N, C-alpha and C. Protein backbone atom coordinates (compact mmCIF):
# COMPACT_ATOMS: atom_id res chain seq x y z
N MET A 1 0.85 -1.19 0.00
CA MET A 1 0.00 0.00 0.00
C MET A 1 0.89 1.24 0.00
N LEU A 2 0.55 2.16 -0.89
CA LEU A 2 1.31 3.38 -0.94
C LEU A 2 0.91 4.30 0.19
N VAL A 3 1.86 4.85 0.82
CA VAL A 3 1.58 5.80 1.90
C VAL A 3 2.06 7.17 1.45
N CYS A 4 1.14 8.11 1.41
CA CYS A 4 1.49 9.46 0.99
C CYS A 4 2.22 10.17 2.12
N GLN A 5 3.33 10.79 1.78
CA GLN A 5 4.07 11.53 2.77
C GLN A 5 3.35 12.83 3.06
N CYS A 6 3.24 13.14 4.33
CA CYS A 6 2.60 14.39 4.73
C CYS A 6 3.67 15.34 5.28
N TYR A 7 3.59 16.56 4.86
CA TYR A 7 4.51 17.57 5.37
C TYR A 7 3.73 18.47 6.31
N ILE A 8 4.10 18.39 7.55
CA ILE A 8 3.39 19.15 8.56
C ILE A 8 4.17 20.42 8.84
N GLY A 9 3.50 21.51 8.84
CA GLY A 9 4.15 22.80 9.09
C GLY A 9 3.36 23.90 8.43
N ARG A 10 3.87 25.10 8.53
CA ARG A 10 3.16 26.23 7.97
C ARG A 10 3.30 26.27 6.46
N VAL A 11 2.19 26.46 5.79
CA VAL A 11 2.21 26.59 4.34
C VAL A 11 2.75 27.97 4.00
N PRO A 12 3.73 28.05 3.10
CA PRO A 12 4.27 29.37 2.75
C PRO A 12 3.17 30.31 2.27
N LYS A 13 3.21 31.51 2.79
CA LYS A 13 2.21 32.50 2.42
C LYS A 13 2.44 32.97 0.98
N GLU A 14 1.36 33.05 0.24
CA GLU A 14 1.47 33.51 -1.15
C GLU A 14 1.87 34.98 -1.17
N ILE A 15 2.85 35.30 -1.97
CA ILE A 15 3.38 36.66 -2.02
C ILE A 15 2.62 37.48 -3.05
N ASP A 16 2.16 38.64 -2.63
CA ASP A 16 1.52 39.59 -3.55
C ASP A 16 2.61 40.49 -4.11
N HIS A 17 3.15 40.12 -5.26
CA HIS A 17 4.29 40.84 -5.81
C HIS A 17 3.93 42.27 -6.19
N GLN A 18 2.72 42.47 -6.69
CA GLN A 18 2.32 43.83 -7.06
C GLN A 18 2.25 44.73 -5.84
N ALA A 19 1.72 44.19 -4.72
CA ALA A 19 1.65 44.97 -3.48
C ALA A 19 3.05 45.32 -2.99
N ARG A 20 3.97 44.37 -3.12
CA ARG A 20 5.34 44.64 -2.68
C ARG A 20 6.02 45.68 -3.56
N ARG A 21 5.78 45.62 -4.84
CA ARG A 21 6.35 46.64 -5.73
C ARG A 21 5.80 48.02 -5.37
N ARG A 22 4.50 48.09 -5.07
CA ARG A 22 3.92 49.38 -4.67
C ARG A 22 4.53 49.87 -3.36
N GLU A 23 4.74 48.94 -2.42
CA GLU A 23 5.33 49.30 -1.14
C GLU A 23 6.73 49.88 -1.33
N LEU A 24 7.52 49.24 -2.17
CA LEU A 24 8.88 49.72 -2.43
C LEU A 24 8.86 51.04 -3.19
N ALA A 25 7.95 51.17 -4.13
CA ALA A 25 7.84 52.42 -4.89
C ALA A 25 7.42 53.57 -3.97
N ASP A 26 6.52 53.30 -3.03
CA ASP A 26 6.12 54.33 -2.07
C ASP A 26 7.31 54.74 -1.19
N ALA A 27 8.12 53.75 -0.79
CA ALA A 27 9.32 54.06 0.00
C ALA A 27 10.28 54.92 -0.82
N ALA A 28 10.42 54.59 -2.11
CA ALA A 28 11.28 55.38 -2.98
C ALA A 28 10.77 56.82 -3.11
N CYS A 29 9.46 56.98 -3.18
CA CYS A 29 8.87 58.32 -3.24
C CYS A 29 9.26 59.14 -2.01
N ARG A 30 9.19 58.53 -0.84
CA ARG A 30 9.53 59.26 0.38
C ARG A 30 11.00 59.67 0.39
N VAL A 31 11.87 58.77 -0.06
CA VAL A 31 13.30 59.07 -0.08
C VAL A 31 13.61 60.16 -1.10
N ILE A 32 13.04 60.06 -2.29
CA ILE A 32 13.27 61.06 -3.33
C ILE A 32 12.75 62.43 -2.89
N ALA A 33 11.59 62.44 -2.23
CA ALA A 33 11.02 63.70 -1.75
C ALA A 33 11.93 64.37 -0.73
N ARG A 34 12.62 63.57 0.08
CA ARG A 34 13.52 64.12 1.10
C ARG A 34 14.88 64.50 0.53
N ASN A 35 15.44 63.65 -0.33
CA ASN A 35 16.84 63.77 -0.73
C ASN A 35 17.06 64.15 -2.18
N GLY A 36 15.99 64.22 -2.96
CA GLY A 36 16.14 64.47 -4.38
C GLY A 36 16.51 63.19 -5.11
N LEU A 37 16.50 63.26 -6.43
CA LEU A 37 16.75 62.08 -7.24
C LEU A 37 18.20 61.61 -7.12
N ALA A 38 19.12 62.56 -7.18
CA ALA A 38 20.54 62.19 -7.10
C ALA A 38 20.90 61.64 -5.73
N GLY A 39 20.22 62.11 -4.70
CA GLY A 39 20.54 61.68 -3.34
C GLY A 39 19.83 60.43 -2.89
N ALA A 40 18.99 59.85 -3.74
CA ALA A 40 18.24 58.64 -3.38
C ALA A 40 19.01 57.42 -3.87
N THR A 41 19.36 56.53 -2.96
CA THR A 41 20.08 55.31 -3.31
C THR A 41 19.24 54.08 -2.98
N LEU A 42 19.61 52.95 -3.57
CA LEU A 42 18.91 51.70 -3.26
C LEU A 42 19.03 51.38 -1.78
N ALA A 43 20.19 51.68 -1.18
CA ALA A 43 20.39 51.40 0.24
C ALA A 43 19.43 52.23 1.09
N GLN A 44 19.24 53.50 0.73
CA GLN A 44 18.32 54.35 1.49
C GLN A 44 16.88 53.87 1.36
N VAL A 45 16.51 53.47 0.16
CA VAL A 45 15.15 52.97 -0.05
C VAL A 45 14.94 51.65 0.70
N ALA A 46 15.98 50.80 0.72
CA ALA A 46 15.89 49.55 1.47
C ALA A 46 15.69 49.84 2.96
N GLU A 47 16.44 50.80 3.48
CA GLU A 47 16.29 51.16 4.89
C GLU A 47 14.92 51.75 5.16
N GLU A 48 14.45 52.59 4.26
CA GLU A 48 13.12 53.21 4.42
C GLU A 48 12.02 52.18 4.43
N SER A 49 12.15 51.16 3.60
CA SER A 49 11.11 50.14 3.46
C SER A 49 11.25 49.00 4.47
N GLY A 50 12.46 48.88 5.09
CA GLY A 50 12.69 47.77 6.00
C GLY A 50 13.07 46.48 5.28
N TRP A 51 13.41 46.58 4.01
CA TRP A 51 13.79 45.42 3.22
C TRP A 51 15.30 45.38 3.04
N SER A 52 15.80 44.22 2.66
CA SER A 52 17.23 44.07 2.37
C SER A 52 17.52 44.53 0.95
N ILE A 53 18.77 44.84 0.69
CA ILE A 53 19.19 45.21 -0.66
C ILE A 53 18.88 44.08 -1.65
N GLY A 54 19.11 42.82 -1.20
CA GLY A 54 18.84 41.68 -2.08
C GLY A 54 17.39 41.61 -2.48
N SER A 55 16.49 41.84 -1.52
CA SER A 55 15.06 41.84 -1.84
C SER A 55 14.70 42.98 -2.77
N MET A 56 15.34 44.14 -2.55
CA MET A 56 15.10 45.29 -3.43
C MET A 56 15.48 44.94 -4.86
N ARG A 57 16.64 44.33 -5.03
CA ARG A 57 17.13 44.05 -6.38
C ARG A 57 16.31 42.97 -7.08
N TYR A 58 15.60 42.15 -6.32
CA TYR A 58 14.72 41.16 -6.94
C TYR A 58 13.64 41.86 -7.75
N TYR A 59 13.12 42.95 -7.20
CA TYR A 59 12.05 43.68 -7.87
C TYR A 59 12.58 44.79 -8.79
N PHE A 60 13.66 45.43 -8.38
CA PHE A 60 14.22 46.54 -9.14
C PHE A 60 15.73 46.36 -9.25
N PRO A 61 16.20 45.71 -10.31
CA PRO A 61 17.64 45.43 -10.45
C PRO A 61 18.51 46.69 -10.51
N SER A 62 17.95 47.81 -10.91
CA SER A 62 18.74 49.04 -11.01
C SER A 62 17.98 50.20 -10.39
N LYS A 63 18.73 51.25 -10.10
CA LYS A 63 18.12 52.46 -9.56
C LYS A 63 17.17 53.09 -10.57
N ASP A 64 17.52 53.05 -11.86
CA ASP A 64 16.66 53.64 -12.88
C ASP A 64 15.28 53.00 -12.88
N GLU A 65 15.25 51.68 -12.73
CA GLU A 65 13.96 50.98 -12.69
C GLU A 65 13.15 51.36 -11.46
N LEU A 66 13.83 51.53 -10.34
CA LEU A 66 13.15 51.93 -9.11
C LEU A 66 12.58 53.34 -9.24
N VAL A 67 13.38 54.25 -9.81
CA VAL A 67 12.93 55.63 -9.99
C VAL A 67 11.72 55.69 -10.93
N ALA A 68 11.79 54.92 -12.02
CA ALA A 68 10.65 54.88 -12.95
C ALA A 68 9.40 54.35 -12.26
N SER A 69 9.58 53.36 -11.39
CA SER A 69 8.44 52.81 -10.66
C SER A 69 7.87 53.84 -9.68
N ALA A 70 8.74 54.63 -9.06
CA ALA A 70 8.28 55.67 -8.15
C ALA A 70 7.44 56.71 -8.89
N LEU A 71 7.91 57.09 -10.09
CA LEU A 71 7.15 58.05 -10.89
C LEU A 71 5.80 57.48 -11.29
N GLN A 72 5.79 56.21 -11.69
CA GLN A 72 4.54 55.56 -12.06
C GLN A 72 3.60 55.49 -10.85
N ARG A 73 4.18 55.24 -9.68
CA ARG A 73 3.37 55.15 -8.47
C ARG A 73 2.72 56.49 -8.13
N VAL A 74 3.44 57.58 -8.38
CA VAL A 74 2.86 58.91 -8.17
C VAL A 74 1.62 59.07 -9.04
N GLY A 75 1.73 58.66 -10.31
CA GLY A 75 0.57 58.74 -11.21
C GLY A 75 -0.58 57.89 -10.73
N GLU A 76 -0.29 56.69 -10.24
CA GLU A 76 -1.35 55.81 -9.72
C GLU A 76 -2.06 56.43 -8.53
N ARG A 77 -1.29 57.02 -7.63
CA ARG A 77 -1.88 57.62 -6.43
C ARG A 77 -2.79 58.79 -6.80
N ILE A 78 -2.34 59.60 -7.74
CA ILE A 78 -3.15 60.73 -8.19
C ILE A 78 -4.42 60.23 -8.87
N ASP A 79 -4.29 59.24 -9.74
CA ASP A 79 -5.46 58.67 -10.43
C ASP A 79 -6.47 58.13 -9.42
N GLU A 80 -5.98 57.42 -8.42
CA GLU A 80 -6.86 56.82 -7.42
C GLU A 80 -7.63 57.90 -6.66
N ARG A 81 -6.94 58.98 -6.29
CA ARG A 81 -7.61 60.06 -5.54
C ARG A 81 -8.63 60.77 -6.40
N ILE A 82 -8.28 61.03 -7.66
CA ILE A 82 -9.23 61.72 -8.54
C ILE A 82 -10.49 60.88 -8.72
N ARG A 83 -10.32 59.58 -8.96
CA ARG A 83 -11.50 58.71 -9.11
C ARG A 83 -12.33 58.68 -7.84
N ARG A 84 -11.67 58.62 -6.70
CA ARG A 84 -12.40 58.53 -5.44
C ARG A 84 -13.12 59.84 -5.11
N ARG A 85 -12.47 60.96 -5.32
CA ARG A 85 -13.04 62.23 -4.88
C ARG A 85 -14.01 62.84 -5.88
N THR A 86 -13.95 62.39 -7.12
CA THR A 86 -14.95 62.85 -8.09
C THR A 86 -16.04 61.80 -8.31
N ALA A 87 -15.82 60.58 -7.79
CA ALA A 87 -16.77 59.48 -7.98
C ALA A 87 -17.10 59.30 -9.46
N GLY A 88 -16.10 59.54 -10.31
CA GLY A 88 -16.31 59.38 -11.75
C GLY A 88 -16.98 60.57 -12.41
N GLY A 89 -17.27 61.62 -11.64
CA GLY A 89 -17.94 62.79 -12.19
C GLY A 89 -17.07 63.53 -13.19
N MET A 90 -17.71 64.18 -14.16
CA MET A 90 -16.98 64.84 -15.24
C MET A 90 -17.38 66.31 -15.38
N SER A 91 -18.01 66.89 -14.38
CA SER A 91 -18.48 68.27 -14.46
C SER A 91 -17.32 69.25 -14.31
N LEU A 92 -17.62 70.54 -14.42
CA LEU A 92 -16.61 71.57 -14.24
C LEU A 92 -16.10 71.55 -12.79
N ALA A 93 -17.00 71.27 -11.85
CA ALA A 93 -16.57 71.14 -10.45
C ALA A 93 -15.62 69.97 -10.27
N ASP A 94 -15.86 68.90 -11.01
CA ASP A 94 -14.97 67.74 -10.95
C ASP A 94 -13.61 68.06 -11.59
N LEU A 95 -13.61 68.91 -12.62
CA LEU A 95 -12.35 69.36 -13.21
C LEU A 95 -11.53 70.10 -12.16
N ARG A 96 -12.16 70.97 -11.41
CA ARG A 96 -11.47 71.70 -10.34
C ARG A 96 -10.91 70.72 -9.31
N THR A 97 -11.72 69.73 -8.92
CA THR A 97 -11.26 68.74 -7.96
C THR A 97 -10.05 67.98 -8.47
N ALA A 98 -10.09 67.58 -9.75
CA ALA A 98 -8.97 66.86 -10.34
C ALA A 98 -7.72 67.73 -10.36
N ALA A 99 -7.87 69.00 -10.70
CA ALA A 99 -6.71 69.90 -10.73
C ALA A 99 -6.11 70.08 -9.34
N LEU A 100 -6.96 70.19 -8.34
CA LEU A 100 -6.47 70.37 -6.97
C LEU A 100 -5.69 69.15 -6.49
N GLU A 101 -6.03 67.97 -7.00
CA GLU A 101 -5.31 66.77 -6.59
C GLU A 101 -3.88 66.75 -7.10
N LEU A 102 -3.58 67.62 -8.05
CA LEU A 102 -2.22 67.71 -8.58
C LEU A 102 -1.37 68.73 -7.83
N LEU A 103 -1.97 69.52 -6.96
CA LEU A 103 -1.25 70.56 -6.25
C LEU A 103 -0.77 70.06 -4.89
N PRO A 104 0.43 70.44 -4.46
CA PRO A 104 0.98 69.98 -3.18
C PRO A 104 0.40 70.72 -1.99
N LEU A 105 -0.85 70.41 -1.66
CA LEU A 105 -1.55 71.11 -0.59
C LEU A 105 -1.58 70.33 0.72
N ASP A 106 -1.01 69.13 0.75
CA ASP A 106 -0.88 68.38 2.00
C ASP A 106 0.39 67.53 1.89
N THR A 107 0.67 66.77 2.94
CA THR A 107 1.93 66.03 3.01
C THR A 107 2.08 65.05 1.85
N SER A 108 1.03 64.29 1.55
CA SER A 108 1.11 63.29 0.50
C SER A 108 1.33 63.94 -0.86
N ARG A 109 0.59 65.00 -1.14
CA ARG A 109 0.72 65.67 -2.44
C ARG A 109 2.04 66.43 -2.57
N ARG A 110 2.57 66.93 -1.44
CA ARG A 110 3.88 67.58 -1.50
C ARG A 110 4.95 66.55 -1.86
N GLU A 111 4.84 65.36 -1.29
CA GLU A 111 5.78 64.29 -1.62
C GLU A 111 5.72 63.96 -3.11
N GLU A 112 4.51 63.81 -3.62
CA GLU A 112 4.34 63.47 -5.03
C GLU A 112 4.89 64.57 -5.94
N SER A 113 4.65 65.83 -5.57
CA SER A 113 5.14 66.95 -6.38
C SER A 113 6.66 66.98 -6.41
N ARG A 114 7.28 66.71 -5.28
CA ARG A 114 8.75 66.71 -5.24
C ARG A 114 9.33 65.59 -6.09
N VAL A 115 8.67 64.44 -6.09
CA VAL A 115 9.13 63.34 -6.93
C VAL A 115 9.00 63.73 -8.40
N LEU A 116 7.84 64.27 -8.76
CA LEU A 116 7.61 64.65 -10.16
C LEU A 116 8.58 65.73 -10.61
N LEU A 117 8.75 66.78 -9.79
CA LEU A 117 9.64 67.88 -10.17
C LEU A 117 11.09 67.42 -10.24
N ALA A 118 11.49 66.55 -9.31
CA ALA A 118 12.86 66.02 -9.34
C ALA A 118 13.09 65.21 -10.61
N PHE A 119 12.10 64.43 -10.99
CA PHE A 119 12.23 63.60 -12.18
C PHE A 119 12.28 64.47 -13.43
N LEU A 120 11.42 65.47 -13.52
CA LEU A 120 11.40 66.34 -14.69
C LEU A 120 12.71 67.10 -14.84
N ALA A 121 13.28 67.54 -13.71
CA ALA A 121 14.56 68.24 -13.76
C ALA A 121 15.66 67.31 -14.27
N GLN A 122 15.63 66.07 -13.83
CA GLN A 122 16.63 65.10 -14.28
C GLN A 122 16.43 64.75 -15.75
N ALA A 123 15.17 64.65 -16.17
CA ALA A 123 14.87 64.31 -17.56
C ALA A 123 15.37 65.39 -18.52
N ALA A 124 15.48 66.62 -18.03
CA ALA A 124 15.95 67.71 -18.88
C ALA A 124 17.41 67.55 -19.27
N VAL A 125 18.17 66.78 -18.48
CA VAL A 125 19.59 66.61 -18.77
C VAL A 125 19.98 65.16 -19.05
N VAL A 126 19.03 64.25 -18.91
CA VAL A 126 19.29 62.83 -19.19
C VAL A 126 18.31 62.38 -20.27
N PRO A 127 18.71 62.33 -21.52
CA PRO A 127 17.79 62.01 -22.62
C PRO A 127 17.05 60.68 -22.43
N GLU A 128 17.68 59.73 -21.76
CA GLU A 128 17.05 58.42 -21.58
C GLU A 128 15.77 58.50 -20.75
N LEU A 129 15.62 59.58 -19.98
CA LEU A 129 14.44 59.73 -19.13
C LEU A 129 13.33 60.53 -19.81
N ALA A 130 13.59 61.04 -21.00
CA ALA A 130 12.62 61.91 -21.67
C ALA A 130 11.30 61.21 -21.94
N ALA A 131 11.35 59.95 -22.38
CA ALA A 131 10.13 59.22 -22.70
C ALA A 131 9.27 59.03 -21.45
N ALA A 132 9.91 58.69 -20.34
CA ALA A 132 9.16 58.52 -19.09
C ALA A 132 8.56 59.84 -18.63
N ALA A 133 9.28 60.94 -18.83
CA ALA A 133 8.75 62.25 -18.48
C ALA A 133 7.54 62.59 -19.33
N ASP A 134 7.61 62.27 -20.63
CA ASP A 134 6.46 62.50 -21.51
C ASP A 134 5.25 61.67 -21.07
N ASP A 135 5.50 60.42 -20.70
CA ASP A 135 4.42 59.54 -20.25
C ASP A 135 3.77 60.09 -18.98
N ALA A 136 4.60 60.61 -18.06
CA ALA A 136 4.07 61.17 -16.82
C ALA A 136 3.21 62.40 -17.11
N ALA A 137 3.69 63.24 -18.01
CA ALA A 137 2.92 64.44 -18.38
C ALA A 137 1.59 64.05 -19.03
N GLN A 138 1.63 63.03 -19.89
CA GLN A 138 0.41 62.57 -20.54
C GLN A 138 -0.59 62.03 -19.53
N ARG A 139 -0.08 61.33 -18.53
CA ARG A 139 -0.97 60.75 -17.52
C ARG A 139 -1.67 61.83 -16.71
N LEU A 140 -1.00 62.95 -16.50
CA LEU A 140 -1.62 64.06 -15.80
C LEU A 140 -2.57 64.83 -16.72
N HIS A 141 -2.25 64.81 -18.01
CA HIS A 141 -3.02 65.57 -19.01
C HIS A 141 -4.38 64.93 -19.29
N GLU A 142 -4.44 63.61 -19.31
CA GLU A 142 -5.64 62.91 -19.76
C GLU A 142 -6.89 63.22 -18.93
N PRO A 143 -6.84 63.16 -17.58
CA PRO A 143 -8.07 63.44 -16.84
C PRO A 143 -8.54 64.88 -17.00
N LEU A 144 -7.61 65.81 -17.25
CA LEU A 144 -7.99 67.20 -17.48
C LEU A 144 -8.68 67.33 -18.83
N THR A 145 -8.12 66.71 -19.86
CA THR A 145 -8.71 66.76 -21.20
C THR A 145 -10.11 66.17 -21.22
N ALA A 146 -10.26 65.01 -20.58
CA ALA A 146 -11.56 64.33 -20.58
C ALA A 146 -12.63 65.19 -19.91
N ARG A 147 -12.29 65.83 -18.81
CA ARG A 147 -13.28 66.63 -18.09
C ARG A 147 -13.59 67.94 -18.80
N ILE A 148 -12.60 68.53 -19.43
CA ILE A 148 -12.87 69.74 -20.22
C ILE A 148 -13.77 69.40 -21.40
N ALA A 149 -13.49 68.28 -22.07
CA ALA A 149 -14.33 67.87 -23.20
C ALA A 149 -15.77 67.63 -22.75
N HIS A 150 -15.93 66.99 -21.60
CA HIS A 150 -17.28 66.72 -21.10
C HIS A 150 -17.99 68.03 -20.74
N ALA A 151 -17.25 68.96 -20.11
CA ALA A 151 -17.85 70.25 -19.73
C ALA A 151 -18.28 71.03 -20.96
N ILE A 152 -17.55 70.91 -22.05
CA ILE A 152 -17.94 71.56 -23.31
C ILE A 152 -19.22 70.93 -23.84
N GLN A 153 -19.29 69.62 -23.85
CA GLN A 153 -20.48 68.92 -24.34
C GLN A 153 -21.70 69.23 -23.48
N ALA A 154 -21.47 69.41 -22.16
CA ALA A 154 -22.58 69.68 -21.24
C ALA A 154 -22.99 71.14 -21.23
N GLY A 155 -22.27 71.99 -21.95
CA GLY A 155 -22.61 73.41 -22.00
C GLY A 155 -22.05 74.23 -20.87
N GLU A 156 -21.17 73.63 -20.05
CA GLU A 156 -20.56 74.38 -18.94
C GLU A 156 -19.39 75.24 -19.41
N LEU A 157 -18.82 74.88 -20.55
CA LEU A 157 -17.73 75.64 -21.15
C LEU A 157 -18.10 75.96 -22.60
N PRO A 158 -17.57 77.04 -23.16
CA PRO A 158 -17.90 77.42 -24.54
C PRO A 158 -17.56 76.32 -25.55
N ALA A 159 -18.41 76.19 -26.56
CA ALA A 159 -18.27 75.10 -27.52
C ALA A 159 -17.03 75.24 -28.40
N HIS A 160 -16.49 76.46 -28.55
CA HIS A 160 -15.36 76.65 -29.45
C HIS A 160 -14.02 76.22 -28.84
N LEU A 161 -13.99 75.92 -27.57
CA LEU A 161 -12.73 75.57 -26.90
C LEU A 161 -12.22 74.22 -27.39
N ASP A 162 -10.90 74.11 -27.46
CA ASP A 162 -10.25 72.85 -27.82
C ASP A 162 -9.83 72.14 -26.52
N PRO A 163 -10.40 70.96 -26.22
CA PRO A 163 -10.12 70.32 -24.93
C PRO A 163 -8.63 70.04 -24.68
N GLY A 164 -7.93 69.54 -25.69
CA GLY A 164 -6.52 69.24 -25.51
C GLY A 164 -5.68 70.48 -25.25
N HIS A 165 -5.96 71.54 -26.01
CA HIS A 165 -5.23 72.80 -25.84
C HIS A 165 -5.49 73.39 -24.46
N GLU A 166 -6.76 73.39 -24.03
CA GLU A 166 -7.09 73.97 -22.74
C GLU A 166 -6.53 73.11 -21.59
N ALA A 167 -6.48 71.80 -21.80
CA ALA A 167 -5.88 70.93 -20.78
C ALA A 167 -4.39 71.23 -20.65
N THR A 168 -3.73 71.49 -21.78
CA THR A 168 -2.30 71.85 -21.74
C THR A 168 -2.10 73.16 -21.00
N ARG A 169 -2.93 74.16 -21.28
CA ARG A 169 -2.82 75.45 -20.58
C ARG A 169 -3.02 75.26 -19.08
N LEU A 170 -4.03 74.47 -18.72
CA LEU A 170 -4.30 74.24 -17.31
C LEU A 170 -3.15 73.47 -16.66
N GLN A 171 -2.61 72.50 -17.38
CA GLN A 171 -1.50 71.72 -16.83
C GLN A 171 -0.27 72.59 -16.61
N LEU A 172 0.00 73.52 -17.52
CA LEU A 172 1.14 74.42 -17.34
C LEU A 172 0.92 75.33 -16.13
N LEU A 173 -0.32 75.77 -15.93
CA LEU A 173 -0.63 76.56 -14.73
C LEU A 173 -0.38 75.73 -13.48
N ILE A 174 -0.81 74.47 -13.51
CA ILE A 174 -0.62 73.58 -12.36
C ILE A 174 0.86 73.38 -12.08
N TYR A 175 1.66 73.18 -13.13
CA TYR A 175 3.11 73.02 -12.93
C TYR A 175 3.70 74.26 -12.26
N GLY A 176 3.28 75.44 -12.71
CA GLY A 176 3.78 76.67 -12.11
C GLY A 176 3.40 76.78 -10.64
N LEU A 177 2.16 76.48 -10.34
CA LEU A 177 1.71 76.50 -8.94
C LEU A 177 2.44 75.44 -8.12
N MET A 178 2.70 74.30 -8.74
CA MET A 178 3.39 73.22 -8.05
C MET A 178 4.79 73.67 -7.61
N VAL A 179 5.51 74.32 -8.53
CA VAL A 179 6.85 74.81 -8.20
C VAL A 179 6.78 75.85 -7.09
N GLU A 180 5.84 76.77 -7.20
CA GLU A 180 5.71 77.82 -6.19
C GLU A 180 5.37 77.23 -4.82
N LEU A 181 4.44 76.31 -4.79
CA LEU A 181 4.02 75.70 -3.52
C LEU A 181 5.14 74.86 -2.91
N ALA A 182 5.96 74.26 -3.77
CA ALA A 182 7.01 73.37 -3.27
C ALA A 182 8.25 74.11 -2.82
N THR A 183 8.41 75.37 -3.22
CA THR A 183 9.67 76.06 -2.95
C THR A 183 9.54 77.33 -2.10
N THR A 184 8.36 77.88 -1.97
CA THR A 184 8.21 79.16 -1.26
C THR A 184 8.26 78.98 0.25
N THR A 185 8.57 80.07 0.95
CA THR A 185 8.58 80.06 2.42
C THR A 185 7.32 80.72 2.99
N THR A 186 6.40 81.09 2.12
CA THR A 186 5.14 81.68 2.57
C THR A 186 4.39 80.69 3.46
N PRO A 187 3.76 81.16 4.57
CA PRO A 187 2.99 80.24 5.42
C PRO A 187 1.99 79.44 4.60
N ARG A 188 1.96 78.15 4.83
CA ARG A 188 1.20 77.25 3.97
C ARG A 188 -0.30 77.56 3.87
N PRO A 189 -1.01 77.88 4.96
CA PRO A 189 -2.44 78.16 4.80
C PRO A 189 -2.70 79.31 3.82
N HIS A 190 -1.87 80.37 3.88
CA HIS A 190 -2.04 81.49 2.96
C HIS A 190 -1.73 81.06 1.53
N LEU A 191 -0.72 80.23 1.39
CA LEU A 191 -0.32 79.77 0.06
C LEU A 191 -1.40 78.90 -0.57
N ALA A 192 -1.99 78.01 0.23
CA ALA A 192 -3.03 77.13 -0.29
C ALA A 192 -4.24 77.95 -0.74
N LYS A 193 -4.60 78.96 0.05
CA LYS A 193 -5.73 79.82 -0.32
C LYS A 193 -5.43 80.57 -1.62
N TRP A 194 -4.20 81.06 -1.75
CA TRP A 194 -3.80 81.77 -2.95
C TRP A 194 -3.84 80.85 -4.17
N ALA A 195 -3.34 79.62 -4.04
CA ALA A 195 -3.30 78.69 -5.16
C ALA A 195 -4.72 78.34 -5.62
N ARG A 196 -5.62 78.11 -4.67
CA ARG A 196 -7.01 77.81 -5.04
C ARG A 196 -7.64 78.99 -5.77
N ALA A 197 -7.33 80.21 -5.31
CA ALA A 197 -7.89 81.41 -5.96
C ALA A 197 -7.39 81.53 -7.40
N ILE A 198 -6.10 81.27 -7.62
CA ILE A 198 -5.53 81.33 -8.97
C ILE A 198 -6.22 80.30 -9.87
N LEU A 199 -6.40 79.09 -9.35
CA LEU A 199 -7.05 78.03 -10.12
C LEU A 199 -8.49 78.41 -10.45
N ASP A 200 -9.21 78.95 -9.46
CA ASP A 200 -10.61 79.34 -9.68
C ASP A 200 -10.71 80.46 -10.71
N GLU A 201 -9.76 81.39 -10.67
CA GLU A 201 -9.76 82.48 -11.66
C GLU A 201 -9.56 81.94 -13.07
N HIS A 202 -8.68 80.94 -13.19
CA HIS A 202 -8.43 80.36 -14.51
C HIS A 202 -9.67 79.65 -15.03
N ILE A 203 -10.33 78.88 -14.19
CA ILE A 203 -11.52 78.14 -14.62
C ILE A 203 -12.65 79.10 -14.97
N ALA A 204 -12.80 80.18 -14.16
CA ALA A 204 -13.83 81.18 -14.46
C ALA A 204 -13.55 81.86 -15.80
N ALA A 205 -12.28 82.17 -16.08
CA ALA A 205 -11.91 82.78 -17.36
C ALA A 205 -12.16 81.81 -18.51
N LEU A 206 -11.94 80.54 -18.26
CA LEU A 206 -12.18 79.52 -19.27
C LEU A 206 -13.67 79.48 -19.64
N ALA A 207 -14.51 79.58 -18.63
CA ALA A 207 -15.96 79.53 -18.86
C ALA A 207 -16.46 80.77 -19.60
N ALA A 208 -15.70 81.87 -19.50
CA ALA A 208 -16.11 83.11 -20.15
C ALA A 208 -15.25 83.43 -21.36
N ALA A 209 -14.53 82.43 -21.89
CA ALA A 209 -13.59 82.66 -22.99
C ALA A 209 -14.31 83.17 -24.23
N PRO A 210 -13.74 84.19 -24.91
CA PRO A 210 -14.36 84.71 -26.14
C PRO A 210 -14.30 83.67 -27.26
N ALA A 211 -15.10 83.90 -28.29
CA ALA A 211 -15.24 82.91 -29.35
C ALA A 211 -14.03 82.81 -30.27
N SER A 212 -13.14 83.83 -30.28
CA SER A 212 -11.99 83.76 -31.19
C SER A 212 -10.91 82.86 -30.59
N PRO A 213 -10.57 81.77 -31.25
CA PRO A 213 -9.55 80.85 -30.72
C PRO A 213 -8.16 81.46 -30.83
N PRO A 214 -7.22 81.01 -29.99
CA PRO A 214 -5.85 81.53 -30.08
C PRO A 214 -5.21 81.13 -31.40
N GLU A 215 -4.28 81.97 -31.88
CA GLU A 215 -3.63 81.71 -33.16
C GLU A 215 -2.61 80.60 -33.07
N HIS A 216 -1.96 80.48 -31.91
CA HIS A 216 -0.89 79.50 -31.76
C HIS A 216 -1.28 78.49 -30.70
N HIS A 217 -1.23 77.26 -31.02
CA HIS A 217 -1.57 76.18 -30.11
C HIS A 217 -0.31 75.47 -29.65
N ALA A 218 -0.35 75.01 -28.42
CA ALA A 218 0.77 74.23 -27.91
C ALA A 218 0.83 72.90 -28.65
N PRO A 219 2.02 72.34 -28.83
CA PRO A 219 2.12 71.05 -29.51
C PRO A 219 1.32 69.98 -28.78
N ALA A 220 0.68 69.13 -29.55
CA ALA A 220 -0.17 68.09 -28.95
C ALA A 220 0.68 67.09 -28.18
N ARG A 221 0.09 66.54 -27.10
CA ARG A 221 0.76 65.51 -26.35
C ARG A 221 0.84 64.23 -27.16
N ARG A 222 1.84 63.42 -26.88
CA ARG A 222 1.96 62.13 -27.57
C ARG A 222 0.76 61.26 -27.25
N PRO A 223 0.21 60.51 -28.19
CA PRO A 223 -0.90 59.60 -27.90
C PRO A 223 -0.43 58.49 -26.99
C-alpha cells in the first residue's frame, strides 16, 4: 500500500508581488522627496522600506527601474484620488477637484510633487528619461482633457474651446503652482488659499472665454 508523505508545518504565504512593488515604490517616493533624485540610493530605499538590498534588487535590479516605478506610483496615487473624490464625475466642479489633486496642498501631495519635479529636472539633462517624463505628463493631461471635453459637451464651457489645448494650458498653470508651492517660504495656509484662488480664476476665465480661438496652439501631447 502506498503511503502518501505528509509535510506538517506552515504553508508558505502567497506573495503579492504587485503589493510589494507598490510598497517599495512608495518608499522610494519618500526618499526622493527628502533627498532628491541624485541623493536617493537603493540602500536608502531599502532602509526606508525595511527590506534588504537583495530583496530590493529582486524587484528593481537598477536604480533607474526603481525611480521609474516611483514616478509611475505617483501617477497611480493621483489617479486613485481623482477617481475617489470625483466618484467618476466629469463636471466643471470635478475638473477643479482633479486639478487640486495635482497641487501639493498636503503632506502626500507635497511628496508626489517633489518626486515629479525632481524627475522632470533630471529628464531635462538625461535624454534616456525623456520618454518617461512624456508619459508622466500625458498621464496628468488625460483626466484634465476628458473633463474639459465633457464640460464643453454639457454646455458648462464654450463650444469653441479645444479640450486638448485647454488641458495643456491648465496643466502648465498647475506646474507653475506646483513649483511655487514646493519652494516658497510663505505660510502654507495662505499659500493654499492663494493657489485655489488662482485656479478658480483660470476656470472662471475659461468659462467666459471669447469665441476667437488663439492663433498659436501648444504642440499636442503624444498619444
